[in-house]
Full PDB file with SEQRES, HELIX, SHEET, SSBOND, CRYST1, ORIGX, SCALE, CONECT and MASTER records, all heavy atoms in Angstrom:
SEQRES   1 A   40  ALA LEU ALA ARG ALA LEU VAL HIS ASP PRO ASP ILE LEU          
SEQRES   2 A   40  ILE LEU ASP GLU PRO MET SER GLY ILE ASP PRO SER GLY          
SEQRES   3 A   40  GLN ILE GLU MET ARG ARG ILE LEU GLN GLU VAL ILE ARG          
SEQRES   4 A   40  GLN                                                          
HELIX    1 AA1 LEU A    2  LEU A    6  1                                   5    
HELIX    2 AA2 PRO A   24  ARG A   32  1                                   9    
HELIX    3 AA3 ILE A   33  ILE A   38  3                                   6    
CRYST1    1.000    1.000    1.000  90.00  90.00  90.00 P 1           1          
ORIGX1      1.000000  0.000000  0.000000        0.00000                         
ORIGX2      0.000000  1.000000  0.000000        0.00000                         
ORIGX3      0.000000  0.000000  1.000000        0.00000                         
SCALE1      1.000000  0.000000  0.000000        0.00000                         
SCALE2      0.000000  1.000000  0.000000        0.00000                         
SCALE3      0.000000  0.000000  1.000000        0.00000                         
ATOM      1  N   ALA A   1      -6.802 -11.637  -7.711  1.00  0.00           N  
ATOM      2  CA  ALA A   1      -6.625 -11.562  -6.261  1.00  0.00           C  
ATOM      3  C   ALA A   1      -5.739 -10.363  -5.898  1.00  0.00           C  
ATOM      4  O   ALA A   1      -5.952  -9.702  -4.875  1.00  0.00           O  
ATOM      5  CB  ALA A   1      -5.998 -12.853  -5.726  1.00  0.00           C  
ATOM      6  N   LEU A   2      -4.763 -10.067  -6.739  1.00  0.00           N  
ATOM      7  CA  LEU A   2      -3.908  -8.916  -6.510  1.00  0.00           C  
ATOM      8  C   LEU A   2      -4.706  -7.622  -6.656  1.00  0.00           C  
ATOM      9  O   LEU A   2      -4.571  -6.700  -5.841  1.00  0.00           O  
ATOM     10  CB  LEU A   2      -2.732  -8.945  -7.497  1.00  0.00           C  
ATOM     11  CG  LEU A   2      -1.596  -7.968  -7.278  1.00  0.00           C  
ATOM     12  CD1 LEU A   2      -1.034  -8.081  -5.858  1.00  0.00           C  
ATOM     13  CD2 LEU A   2      -0.501  -8.213  -8.292  1.00  0.00           C  
ATOM     14  N   ALA A   3      -5.568  -7.578  -7.675  1.00  0.00           N  
ATOM     15  CA  ALA A   3      -6.433  -6.399  -7.850  1.00  0.00           C  
ATOM     16  C   ALA A   3      -7.359  -6.250  -6.654  1.00  0.00           C  
ATOM     17  O   ALA A   3      -7.600  -5.132  -6.166  1.00  0.00           O  
ATOM     18  CB  ALA A   3      -7.245  -6.549  -9.141  1.00  0.00           C  
ATOM     19  N   ARG A   4      -7.882  -7.365  -6.164  1.00  0.00           N  
ATOM     20  CA  ARG A   4      -8.765  -7.344  -5.002  1.00  0.00           C  
ATOM     21  C   ARG A   4      -8.032  -6.824  -3.776  1.00  0.00           C  
ATOM     22  O   ARG A   4      -8.560  -6.039  -2.982  1.00  0.00           O  
ATOM     23  CB  ARG A   4      -9.298  -8.763  -4.748  1.00  0.00           C  
ATOM     24  CG  ARG A   4     -10.307  -8.879  -3.631  1.00  0.00           C  
ATOM     25  CD  ARG A   4      -9.708  -9.401  -2.357  1.00  0.00           C  
ATOM     26  NE  ARG A   4      -9.028 -10.658  -2.567  1.00  0.00           N  
ATOM     27  CZ  ARG A   4      -8.097 -11.125  -1.758  1.00  0.00           C  
ATOM     28  NH1 ARG A   4      -7.697 -10.435  -0.720  1.00  0.00           N  
ATOM     29  NH2 ARG A   4      -7.515 -12.277  -1.995  1.00  0.00           N  
ATOM     30  N   ALA A   5      -6.754  -7.227  -3.619  1.00  0.00           N  
ATOM     31  CA  ALA A   5      -5.968  -6.780  -2.469  1.00  0.00           C  
ATOM     32  C   ALA A   5      -5.657  -5.283  -2.537  1.00  0.00           C  
ATOM     33  O   ALA A   5      -5.366  -4.658  -1.511  1.00  0.00           O  
ATOM     34  CB  ALA A   5      -4.640  -7.557  -2.407  1.00  0.00           C  
ATOM     35  N   LEU A   6      -5.752  -4.717  -3.741  1.00  0.00           N  
ATOM     36  CA  LEU A   6      -5.425  -3.301  -3.925  1.00  0.00           C  
ATOM     37  C   LEU A   6      -6.646  -2.397  -4.025  1.00  0.00           C  
ATOM     38  O   LEU A   6      -6.498  -1.176  -4.120  1.00  0.00           O  
ATOM     39  CB  LEU A   6      -4.597  -3.144  -5.203  1.00  0.00           C  
ATOM     40  CG  LEU A   6      -3.168  -3.679  -5.165  1.00  0.00           C  
ATOM     41  CD1 LEU A   6      -2.610  -3.802  -6.571  1.00  0.00           C  
ATOM     42  CD2 LEU A   6      -2.284  -2.798  -4.307  1.00  0.00           C  
ATOM     43  N   VAL A   7      -7.842  -2.973  -3.994  1.00  0.00           N  
ATOM     44  CA  VAL A   7      -9.037  -2.203  -4.286  1.00  0.00           C  
ATOM     45  C   VAL A   7      -9.261  -1.075  -3.283  1.00  0.00           C  
ATOM     46  O   VAL A   7      -9.852  -0.036  -3.615  1.00  0.00           O  
ATOM     47  CB  VAL A   7     -10.274  -3.147  -4.363  1.00  0.00           C  
ATOM     48  CG1 VAL A   7     -10.719  -3.598  -2.985  1.00  0.00           C  
ATOM     49  CG2 VAL A   7     -11.409  -2.465  -5.126  1.00  0.00           C  
ATOM     50  N   HIS A   8      -8.795  -1.234  -2.062  1.00  0.00           N  
ATOM     51  CA  HIS A   8      -8.977  -0.177  -1.044  1.00  0.00           C  
ATOM     52  C   HIS A   8      -7.723   0.698  -0.882  1.00  0.00           C  
ATOM     53  O   HIS A   8      -7.610   1.464   0.078  1.00  0.00           O  
ATOM     54  CB  HIS A   8      -9.366  -0.799   0.297  1.00  0.00           C  
ATOM     55  CG  HIS A   8      -8.363  -1.762   0.865  1.00  0.00           C  
ATOM     56  ND1 HIS A   8      -8.007  -2.929   0.223  1.00  0.00           N  
ATOM     57  CD2 HIS A   8      -7.626  -1.716   2.021  1.00  0.00           C  
ATOM     58  CE1 HIS A   8      -7.114  -3.572   0.970  1.00  0.00           C  
ATOM     59  NE2 HIS A   8      -6.867  -2.861   2.045  1.00  0.00           N  
ATOM     60  N   ASP A   9      -6.781   0.574  -1.846  1.00  0.00           N  
ATOM     61  CA  ASP A   9      -5.562   1.391  -1.890  1.00  0.00           C  
ATOM     62  C   ASP A   9      -4.759   1.309  -0.582  1.00  0.00           C  
ATOM     63  O   ASP A   9      -4.504   2.322   0.075  1.00  0.00           O  
ATOM     64  CB  ASP A   9      -5.912   2.846  -2.187  1.00  0.00           C  
ATOM     65  CG  ASP A   9      -4.694   3.655  -2.606  1.00  0.00           C  
ATOM     66  OD1 ASP A   9      -3.742   3.059  -3.157  1.00  0.00           O  
ATOM     67  OD2 ASP A   9      -4.676   4.875  -2.382  1.00  0.00           O  
ATOM     68  N   PRO A  10      -4.322   0.099  -0.202  1.00  0.00           N  
ATOM     69  CA  PRO A  10      -3.573  -0.061   1.054  1.00  0.00           C  
ATOM     70  C   PRO A  10      -2.146   0.486   0.942  1.00  0.00           C  
ATOM     71  O   PRO A  10      -1.620   0.660  -0.159  1.00  0.00           O  
ATOM     72  CB  PRO A  10      -3.546  -1.585   1.226  1.00  0.00           C  
ATOM     73  CG  PRO A  10      -3.530  -2.104  -0.179  1.00  0.00           C  
ATOM     74  CD  PRO A  10      -4.447  -1.176  -0.935  1.00  0.00           C  
ATOM     75  N   ASP A  11      -1.541   0.727   2.090  1.00  0.00           N  
ATOM     76  CA  ASP A  11      -0.139   1.170   2.120  1.00  0.00           C  
ATOM     77  C   ASP A  11       0.810  -0.022   2.024  1.00  0.00           C  
ATOM     78  O   ASP A  11       1.926   0.106   1.509  1.00  0.00           O  
ATOM     79  CB  ASP A  11       0.154   1.919   3.444  1.00  0.00           C  
ATOM     80  CG  ASP A  11      -0.667   3.187   3.549  1.00  0.00           C  
ATOM     81  OD1 ASP A  11      -0.560   4.009   2.628  1.00  0.00           O  
ATOM     82  OD2 ASP A  11      -1.408   3.340   4.526  1.00  0.00           O  
ATOM     83  N   ILE A  12       0.388  -1.169   2.566  1.00  0.00           N  
ATOM     84  CA  ILE A  12       1.216  -2.368   2.598  1.00  0.00           C  
ATOM     85  C   ILE A  12       0.503  -3.496   1.903  1.00  0.00           C  
ATOM     86  O   ILE A  12      -0.691  -3.695   2.084  1.00  0.00           O  
ATOM     87  CB  ILE A  12       1.520  -2.771   4.061  1.00  0.00           C  
ATOM     88  CG1 ILE A  12       2.310  -1.676   4.779  1.00  0.00           C  
ATOM     89  CG2 ILE A  12       2.313  -4.090   4.108  1.00  0.00           C  
ATOM     90  CD1 ILE A  12       2.527  -1.949   6.272  1.00  0.00           C  
ATOM     91  N   LEU A  13       1.270  -4.254   1.132  1.00  0.00           N  
ATOM     92  CA  LEU A  13       0.733  -5.434   0.461  1.00  0.00           C  
ATOM     93  C   LEU A  13       1.517  -6.643   0.934  1.00  0.00           C  
ATOM     94  O   LEU A  13       2.746  -6.673   0.844  1.00  0.00           O  
ATOM     95  CB  LEU A  13       0.849  -5.290  -1.051  1.00  0.00           C  
ATOM     96  CG  LEU A  13       0.108  -6.332  -1.886  1.00  0.00           C  
ATOM     97  CD1 LEU A  13      -1.397  -6.212  -1.702  1.00  0.00           C  
ATOM     98  CD2 LEU A  13       0.460  -6.190  -3.364  1.00  0.00           C  
ATOM     99  N   ILE A  14       0.810  -7.638   1.447  1.00  0.00           N  
ATOM    100  CA  ILE A  14       1.432  -8.861   1.959  1.00  0.00           C  
ATOM    101  C   ILE A  14       1.036 -10.009   1.036  1.00  0.00           C  
ATOM    102  O   ILE A  14      -0.152 -10.303   0.869  1.00  0.00           O  
ATOM    103  CB  ILE A  14       1.011  -9.139   3.401  1.00  0.00           C  
ATOM    104  CG1 ILE A  14       1.533  -8.011   4.311  1.00  0.00           C  
ATOM    105  CG2 ILE A  14       1.550 -10.493   3.879  1.00  0.00           C  
ATOM    106  CD1 ILE A  14       1.153  -8.145   5.765  1.00  0.00           C  
ATOM    107  N   LEU A  15       2.038 -10.676   0.456  1.00  0.00           N  
ATOM    108  CA  LEU A  15       1.805 -11.735  -0.531  1.00  0.00           C  
ATOM    109  C   LEU A  15       2.438 -13.033  -0.047  1.00  0.00           C  
ATOM    110  O   LEU A  15       3.624 -13.076   0.243  1.00  0.00           O  
ATOM    111  CB  LEU A  15       2.422 -11.352  -1.889  1.00  0.00           C  
ATOM    112  CG  LEU A  15       2.081  -9.968  -2.433  1.00  0.00           C  
ATOM    113  CD1 LEU A  15       2.864  -9.693  -3.708  1.00  0.00           C  
ATOM    114  CD2 LEU A  15       0.589  -9.855  -2.692  1.00  0.00           C  
ATOM    115  N   ASP A  16       1.638 -14.076   0.007  1.00  0.00           N  
ATOM    116  CA  ASP A  16       2.130 -15.383   0.442  1.00  0.00           C  
ATOM    117  C   ASP A  16       2.234 -16.300  -0.782  1.00  0.00           C  
ATOM    118  O   ASP A  16       1.235 -16.779  -1.294  1.00  0.00           O  
ATOM    119  CB  ASP A  16       1.193 -15.977   1.476  1.00  0.00           C  
ATOM    120  CG  ASP A  16       1.788 -17.227   2.155  1.00  0.00           C  
ATOM    121  OD1 ASP A  16       2.975 -17.510   1.936  1.00  0.00           O  
ATOM    122  OD2 ASP A  16       1.050 -17.898   2.891  1.00  0.00           O  
ATOM    123  N   GLU A  17       3.460 -16.508  -1.261  1.00  0.00           N  
ATOM    124  CA  GLU A  17       3.738 -17.377  -2.420  1.00  0.00           C  
ATOM    125  C   GLU A  17       2.843 -17.013  -3.620  1.00  0.00           C  
ATOM    126  O   GLU A  17       2.133 -17.855  -4.161  1.00  0.00           O  
ATOM    127  CB  GLU A  17       3.515 -18.853  -2.049  1.00  0.00           C  
ATOM    128  CG  GLU A  17       4.378 -19.359  -0.904  1.00  0.00           C  
ATOM    129  CD  GLU A  17       5.788 -19.707  -1.346  1.00  0.00           C  
ATOM    130  OE1 GLU A  17       6.117 -19.501  -2.537  1.00  0.00           O  
ATOM    131  OE2 GLU A  17       6.558 -20.186  -0.515  1.00  0.00           O  
ATOM    132  N   PRO A  18       2.874 -15.748  -4.074  1.00  0.00           N  
ATOM    133  CA  PRO A  18       1.955 -15.331  -5.139  1.00  0.00           C  
ATOM    134  C   PRO A  18       2.249 -15.964  -6.493  1.00  0.00           C  
ATOM    135  O   PRO A  18       1.392 -15.939  -7.382  1.00  0.00           O  
ATOM    136  CB  PRO A  18       2.158 -13.811  -5.196  1.00  0.00           C  
ATOM    137  CG  PRO A  18       3.559 -13.614  -4.713  1.00  0.00           C  
ATOM    138  CD  PRO A  18       3.739 -14.643  -3.631  1.00  0.00           C  
ATOM    139  N   MET A  19       3.452 -16.515  -6.687  1.00  0.00           N  
ATOM    140  CA  MET A  19       3.807 -17.117  -7.982  1.00  0.00           C  
ATOM    141  C   MET A  19       3.543 -18.624  -7.994  1.00  0.00           C  
ATOM    142  O   MET A  19       3.734 -19.278  -9.018  1.00  0.00           O  
ATOM    143  CB  MET A  19       5.278 -16.880  -8.310  1.00  0.00           C  
ATOM    144  CG  MET A  19       5.698 -15.432  -8.229  1.00  0.00           C  
ATOM    145  SD  MET A  19       4.909 -14.407  -9.486  1.00  0.00           S  
ATOM    146  CE  MET A  19       5.763 -12.863  -9.236  1.00  0.00           C  
ATOM    147  N   SER A  20       3.135 -19.168  -6.878  1.00  0.00           N  
ATOM    148  CA  SER A  20       2.976 -20.621  -6.765  1.00  0.00           C  
ATOM    149  C   SER A  20       1.918 -21.143  -7.735  1.00  0.00           C  
ATOM    150  O   SER A  20       0.781 -20.647  -7.786  1.00  0.00           O  
ATOM    151  CB  SER A  20       2.585 -20.996  -5.335  1.00  0.00           C  
ATOM    152  OG  SER A  20       2.381 -22.380  -5.214  1.00  0.00           O  
ATOM    153  N   GLY A  21       2.289 -22.127  -8.540  1.00  0.00           N  
ATOM    154  CA  GLY A  21       1.346 -22.777  -9.446  1.00  0.00           C  
ATOM    155  C   GLY A  21       1.069 -22.014 -10.718  1.00  0.00           C  
ATOM    156  O   GLY A  21       0.216 -22.428 -11.519  1.00  0.00           O  
ATOM    157  N   ILE A  22       1.773 -20.911 -10.949  1.00  0.00           N  
ATOM    158  CA  ILE A  22       1.562 -20.115 -12.155  1.00  0.00           C  
ATOM    159  C   ILE A  22       2.602 -20.484 -13.214  1.00  0.00           C  
ATOM    160  O   ILE A  22       3.775 -20.669 -12.874  1.00  0.00           O  
ATOM    161  CB  ILE A  22       1.647 -18.608 -11.851  1.00  0.00           C  
ATOM    162  CG1 ILE A  22       0.651 -18.223 -10.763  1.00  0.00           C  
ATOM    163  CG2 ILE A  22       1.391 -17.785 -13.101  1.00  0.00           C  
ATOM    164  CD1 ILE A  22       0.697 -16.758 -10.384  1.00  0.00           C  
ATOM    165  N   ASP A  23       2.177 -20.570 -14.459  1.00  0.00           N  
ATOM    166  CA  ASP A  23       3.139 -20.902 -15.521  1.00  0.00           C  
ATOM    167  C   ASP A  23       4.082 -19.723 -15.753  1.00  0.00           C  
ATOM    168  O   ASP A  23       3.856 -18.618 -15.276  1.00  0.00           O  
ATOM    169  CB  ASP A  23       2.412 -21.318 -16.797  1.00  0.00           C  
ATOM    170  CG  ASP A  23       1.549 -20.207 -17.389  1.00  0.00           C  
ATOM    171  OD1 ASP A  23       1.866 -19.022 -17.177  1.00  0.00           O  
ATOM    172  OD2 ASP A  23       0.556 -20.518 -18.047  1.00  0.00           O  
ATOM    173  N   PRO A  24       5.190 -19.955 -16.485  1.00  0.00           N  
ATOM    174  CA  PRO A  24       6.200 -18.897 -16.694  1.00  0.00           C  
ATOM    175  C   PRO A  24       5.641 -17.589 -17.240  1.00  0.00           C  
ATOM    176  O   PRO A  24       6.044 -16.505 -16.784  1.00  0.00           O  
ATOM    177  CB  PRO A  24       7.182 -19.541 -17.688  1.00  0.00           C  
ATOM    178  CG  PRO A  24       7.090 -21.001 -17.377  1.00  0.00           C  
ATOM    179  CD  PRO A  24       5.650 -21.240 -17.045  1.00  0.00           C  
ATOM    180  N   SER A  25       4.703 -17.657 -18.191  1.00  0.00           N  
ATOM    181  CA  SER A  25       4.141 -16.411 -18.734  1.00  0.00           C  
ATOM    182  C   SER A  25       3.334 -15.670 -17.671  1.00  0.00           C  
ATOM    183  O   SER A  25       3.356 -14.438 -17.601  1.00  0.00           O  
ATOM    184  CB  SER A  25       3.261 -16.709 -19.959  1.00  0.00           C  
ATOM    185  OG  SER A  25       2.159 -17.515 -19.601  1.00  0.00           O  
ATOM    186  N   GLY A  26       2.638 -16.418 -16.821  1.00  0.00           N  
ATOM    187  CA  GLY A  26       1.898 -15.812 -15.722  1.00  0.00           C  
ATOM    188  C   GLY A  26       2.812 -15.159 -14.705  1.00  0.00           C  
ATOM    189  O   GLY A  26       2.507 -14.101 -14.142  1.00  0.00           O  
ATOM    190  N   GLN A  27       3.962 -15.781 -14.455  1.00  0.00           N  
ATOM    191  CA  GLN A  27       4.932 -15.215 -13.514  1.00  0.00           C  
ATOM    192  C   GLN A  27       5.488 -13.898 -14.050  1.00  0.00           C  
ATOM    193  O   GLN A  27       5.672 -12.946 -13.299  1.00  0.00           O  
ATOM    194  CB  GLN A  27       6.057 -16.208 -13.258  1.00  0.00           C  
ATOM    195  CG  GLN A  27       5.624 -17.446 -12.491  1.00  0.00           C  
ATOM    196  CD  GLN A  27       6.761 -18.403 -12.230  1.00  0.00           C  
ATOM    197  OE1 GLN A  27       7.927 -18.055 -12.397  1.00  0.00           O  
ATOM    198  NE2 GLN A  27       6.455 -19.624 -11.825  1.00  0.00           N  
ATOM    199  N   ILE A  28       5.758 -13.871 -15.350  1.00  0.00           N  
ATOM    200  CA  ILE A  28       6.262 -12.642 -15.960  1.00  0.00           C  
ATOM    201  C   ILE A  28       5.237 -11.520 -15.804  1.00  0.00           C  
ATOM    202  O   ILE A  28       5.578 -10.380 -15.484  1.00  0.00           O  
ATOM    203  CB  ILE A  28       6.593 -12.879 -17.452  1.00  0.00           C  
ATOM    204  CG1 ILE A  28       7.798 -13.804 -17.590  1.00  0.00           C  
ATOM    205  CG2 ILE A  28       6.850 -11.553 -18.167  1.00  0.00           C  
ATOM    206  CD1 ILE A  28       8.076 -14.271 -18.996  1.00  0.00           C  
ATOM    207  N   GLU A  29       3.975 -11.840 -16.013  1.00  0.00           N  
ATOM    208  CA  GLU A  29       2.911 -10.843 -15.889  1.00  0.00           C  
ATOM    209  C   GLU A  29       2.773 -10.354 -14.453  1.00  0.00           C  
ATOM    210  O   GLU A  29       2.632  -9.142 -14.207  1.00  0.00           O  
ATOM    211  CB  GLU A  29       1.591 -11.437 -16.377  1.00  0.00           C  
ATOM    212  CG  GLU A  29       0.440 -10.451 -16.430  1.00  0.00           C  
ATOM    213  CD  GLU A  29       0.632  -9.354 -17.455  1.00  0.00           C  
ATOM    214  OE1 GLU A  29       1.575  -9.436 -18.269  1.00  0.00           O  
ATOM    215  OE2 GLU A  29      -0.152  -8.381 -17.426  1.00  0.00           O  
ATOM    216  N   MET A  30       2.839 -11.271 -13.498  1.00  0.00           N  
ATOM    217  CA  MET A  30       2.753 -10.877 -12.083  1.00  0.00           C  
ATOM    218  C   MET A  30       3.945  -9.994 -11.712  1.00  0.00           C  
ATOM    219  O   MET A  30       3.792  -9.005 -10.984  1.00  0.00           O  
ATOM    220  CB  MET A  30       2.733 -12.103 -11.189  1.00  0.00           C  
ATOM    221  CG  MET A  30       1.392 -12.822 -11.160  1.00  0.00           C  
ATOM    222  SD  MET A  30       0.125 -11.896 -10.248  1.00  0.00           S  
ATOM    223  CE  MET A  30       0.669 -12.198  -8.562  1.00  0.00           C  
ATOM    224  N   ARG A  31       5.108 -10.342 -12.208  1.00  0.00           N  
ATOM    225  CA  ARG A  31       6.304  -9.535 -11.912  1.00  0.00           C  
ATOM    226  C   ARG A  31       6.153  -8.138 -12.493  1.00  0.00           C  
ATOM    227  O   ARG A  31       6.523  -7.143 -11.838  1.00  0.00           O  
ATOM    228  CB  ARG A  31       7.524 -10.221 -12.511  1.00  0.00           C  
ATOM    229  CG  ARG A  31       8.862  -9.635 -12.036  1.00  0.00           C  
ATOM    230  CD  ARG A  31      10.027 -10.272 -12.768  1.00  0.00           C  
ATOM    231  NE  ARG A  31       9.911 -11.717 -12.775  1.00  0.00           N  
ATOM    232  CZ  ARG A  31      10.096 -12.478 -13.849  1.00  0.00           C  
ATOM    233  NH1 ARG A  31      10.390 -11.942 -15.010  1.00  0.00           N  
ATOM    234  NH2 ARG A  31       9.985 -13.779 -13.762  1.00  0.00           N  
ATOM    235  N   ARG A  32       5.590  -8.043 -13.681  1.00  0.00           N  
ATOM    236  CA  ARG A  32       5.375  -6.740 -14.287  1.00  0.00           C  
ATOM    237  C   ARG A  32       4.453  -5.880 -13.425  1.00  0.00           C  
ATOM    238  O   ARG A  32       4.721  -4.691 -13.199  1.00  0.00           O  
ATOM    239  CB  ARG A  32       4.752  -6.898 -15.686  1.00  0.00           C  
ATOM    240  CG  ARG A  32       4.441  -5.568 -16.375  1.00  0.00           C  
ATOM    241  CD  ARG A  32       3.560  -5.759 -17.584  1.00  0.00           C  
ATOM    242  NE  ARG A  32       2.213  -6.206 -17.244  1.00  0.00           N  
ATOM    243  CZ  ARG A  32       1.272  -5.404 -16.766  1.00  0.00           C  
ATOM    244  NH1 ARG A  32       1.521  -4.120 -16.544  1.00  0.00           N  
ATOM    245  NH2 ARG A  32       0.060  -5.869 -16.481  1.00  0.00           N  
ATOM    246  N   ILE A  33       3.391  -6.499 -12.932  1.00  0.00           N  
ATOM    247  CA  ILE A  33       2.438  -5.769 -12.105  1.00  0.00           C  
ATOM    248  C   ILE A  33       3.103  -5.273 -10.827  1.00  0.00           C  
ATOM    249  O   ILE A  33       2.965  -4.106 -10.421  1.00  0.00           O  
ATOM    250  CB  ILE A  33       1.226  -6.648 -11.773  1.00  0.00           C  
ATOM    251  CG1 ILE A  33       0.465  -6.991 -13.054  1.00  0.00           C  
ATOM    252  CG2 ILE A  33       0.300  -5.952 -10.782  1.00  0.00           C  
ATOM    253  CD1 ILE A  33      -0.510  -8.137 -12.884  1.00  0.00           C  
ATOM    254  N   LEU A  34       3.845  -6.159 -10.175  1.00  0.00           N  
ATOM    255  CA  LEU A  34       4.492  -5.798  -8.934  1.00  0.00           C  
ATOM    256  C   LEU A  34       5.494  -4.669  -9.135  1.00  0.00           C  
ATOM    257  O   LEU A  34       5.564  -3.721  -8.344  1.00  0.00           O  
ATOM    258  CB  LEU A  34       5.210  -7.013  -8.319  1.00  0.00           C  
ATOM    259  CG  LEU A  34       4.297  -8.114  -7.776  1.00  0.00           C  
ATOM    260  CD1 LEU A  34       5.130  -9.324  -7.347  1.00  0.00           C  
ATOM    261  CD2 LEU A  34       3.477  -7.596  -6.606  1.00  0.00           C  
ATOM    262  N   GLN A  35       6.272  -4.759 -10.185  1.00  0.00           N  
ATOM    263  CA  GLN A  35       7.327  -3.760 -10.413  1.00  0.00           C  
ATOM    264  C   GLN A  35       6.786  -2.453 -10.970  1.00  0.00           C  
ATOM    265  O   GLN A  35       7.154  -1.371 -10.494  1.00  0.00           O  
ATOM    266  CB  GLN A  35       8.389  -4.327 -11.367  1.00  0.00           C  
ATOM    267  CG  GLN A  35       9.201  -5.455 -10.742  1.00  0.00           C  
ATOM    268  CD  GLN A  35      10.189  -6.062 -11.723  1.00  0.00           C  
ATOM    269  OE1 GLN A  35       9.857  -6.349 -12.877  1.00  0.00           O  
ATOM    270  NE2 GLN A  35      11.408  -6.273 -11.286  1.00  0.00           N  
ATOM    271  N   GLU A  36       5.905  -2.514 -11.947  1.00  0.00           N  
ATOM    272  CA  GLU A  36       5.488  -1.308 -12.657  1.00  0.00           C  
ATOM    273  C   GLU A  36       4.288  -0.617 -11.999  1.00  0.00           C  
ATOM    274  O   GLU A  36       4.232   0.615 -11.982  1.00  0.00           O  
ATOM    275  CB  GLU A  36       5.131  -1.650 -14.102  1.00  0.00           C  
ATOM    276  CG  GLU A  36       6.330  -2.134 -14.912  1.00  0.00           C  
ATOM    277  CD  GLU A  36       5.970  -2.420 -16.349  1.00  0.00           C  
ATOM    278  OE1 GLU A  36       4.831  -2.077 -16.767  1.00  0.00           O  
ATOM    279  OE2 GLU A  36       6.792  -3.016 -17.056  1.00  0.00           O  
ATOM    280  N   VAL A  37       3.358  -1.388 -11.481  1.00  0.00           N  
ATOM    281  CA  VAL A  37       2.147  -0.773 -10.941  1.00  0.00           C  
ATOM    282  C   VAL A  37       2.297  -0.461  -9.454  1.00  0.00           C  
ATOM    283  O   VAL A  37       2.137   0.686  -9.030  1.00  0.00           O  
ATOM    284  CB  VAL A  37       0.930  -1.696 -11.166  1.00  0.00           C  
ATOM    285  CG1 VAL A  37      -0.326  -1.088 -10.581  1.00  0.00           C  
ATOM    286  CG2 VAL A  37       0.746  -1.944 -12.661  1.00  0.00           C  
ATOM    287  N   ILE A  38       2.610  -1.494  -8.665  1.00  0.00           N  
ATOM    288  CA  ILE A  38       2.639  -1.297  -7.225  1.00  0.00           C  
ATOM    289  C   ILE A  38       3.786  -0.395  -6.809  1.00  0.00           C  
ATOM    290  O   ILE A  38       3.617   0.503  -5.989  1.00  0.00           O  
ATOM    291  CB  ILE A  38       2.706  -2.652  -6.507  1.00  0.00           C  
ATOM    292  CG1 ILE A  38       1.468  -3.480  -6.880  1.00  0.00           C  
ATOM    293  CG2 ILE A  38       2.784  -2.475  -5.000  1.00  0.00           C  
ATOM    294  CD1 ILE A  38       1.493  -4.891  -6.383  1.00  0.00           C  
ATOM    295  N   ARG A  39       4.957  -0.610  -7.387  1.00  0.00           N  
ATOM    296  CA  ARG A  39       6.104   0.217  -7.000  1.00  0.00           C  
ATOM    297  C   ARG A  39       5.868   1.672  -7.369  1.00  0.00           C  
ATOM    298  O   ARG A  39       6.284   2.584  -6.649  1.00  0.00           O  
ATOM    299  CB  ARG A  39       7.379  -0.297  -7.663  1.00  0.00           C  
ATOM    300  CG  ARG A  39       7.819  -1.667  -7.181  1.00  0.00           C  
ATOM    301  CD  ARG A  39       8.270  -1.678  -5.749  1.00  0.00           C  
ATOM    302  NE  ARG A  39       9.522  -1.016  -5.569  1.00  0.00           N  
ATOM    303  CZ  ARG A  39      10.207  -0.992  -4.426  1.00  0.00           C  
ATOM    304  NH1 ARG A  39       9.713  -1.591  -3.359  1.00  0.00           N  
ATOM    305  NH2 ARG A  39      11.347  -0.366  -4.319  1.00  0.00           N  
ATOM    306  N   GLN A  40       5.214   1.906  -8.494  1.00  0.00           N  
ATOM    307  CA  GLN A  40       4.915   3.279  -8.895  1.00  0.00           C  
ATOM    308  C   GLN A  40       3.969   3.954  -7.907  1.00  0.00           C  
ATOM    309  O   GLN A  40       4.005   5.176  -7.721  1.00  0.00           O  
ATOM    310  CB  GLN A  40       4.311   3.307 -10.298  1.00  0.00           C  
ATOM    311  CG  GLN A  40       5.333   3.022 -11.403  1.00  0.00           C  
ATOM    312  CD  GLN A  40       4.689   2.919 -12.776  1.00  0.00           C  
ATOM    313  OE1 GLN A  40       3.512   3.215 -12.948  1.00  0.00           O  
ATOM    314  NE2 GLN A  40       5.461   2.501 -13.760  1.00  0.00           N  
TER     315      GLN A  40                                                      
MASTER        0    0    0    3    0    0    0    6  314    1    0    4          
END                                                                             
């Protein structure tokens, strides 16, 4: 869903509880994406 939200290369990304229901390893992966990919 995050990849889908980025497919048109938007300037702003709005996330509503993106970590909800994800296990700890999934949260770590989402955090990595947000910090390393989107911030870059």
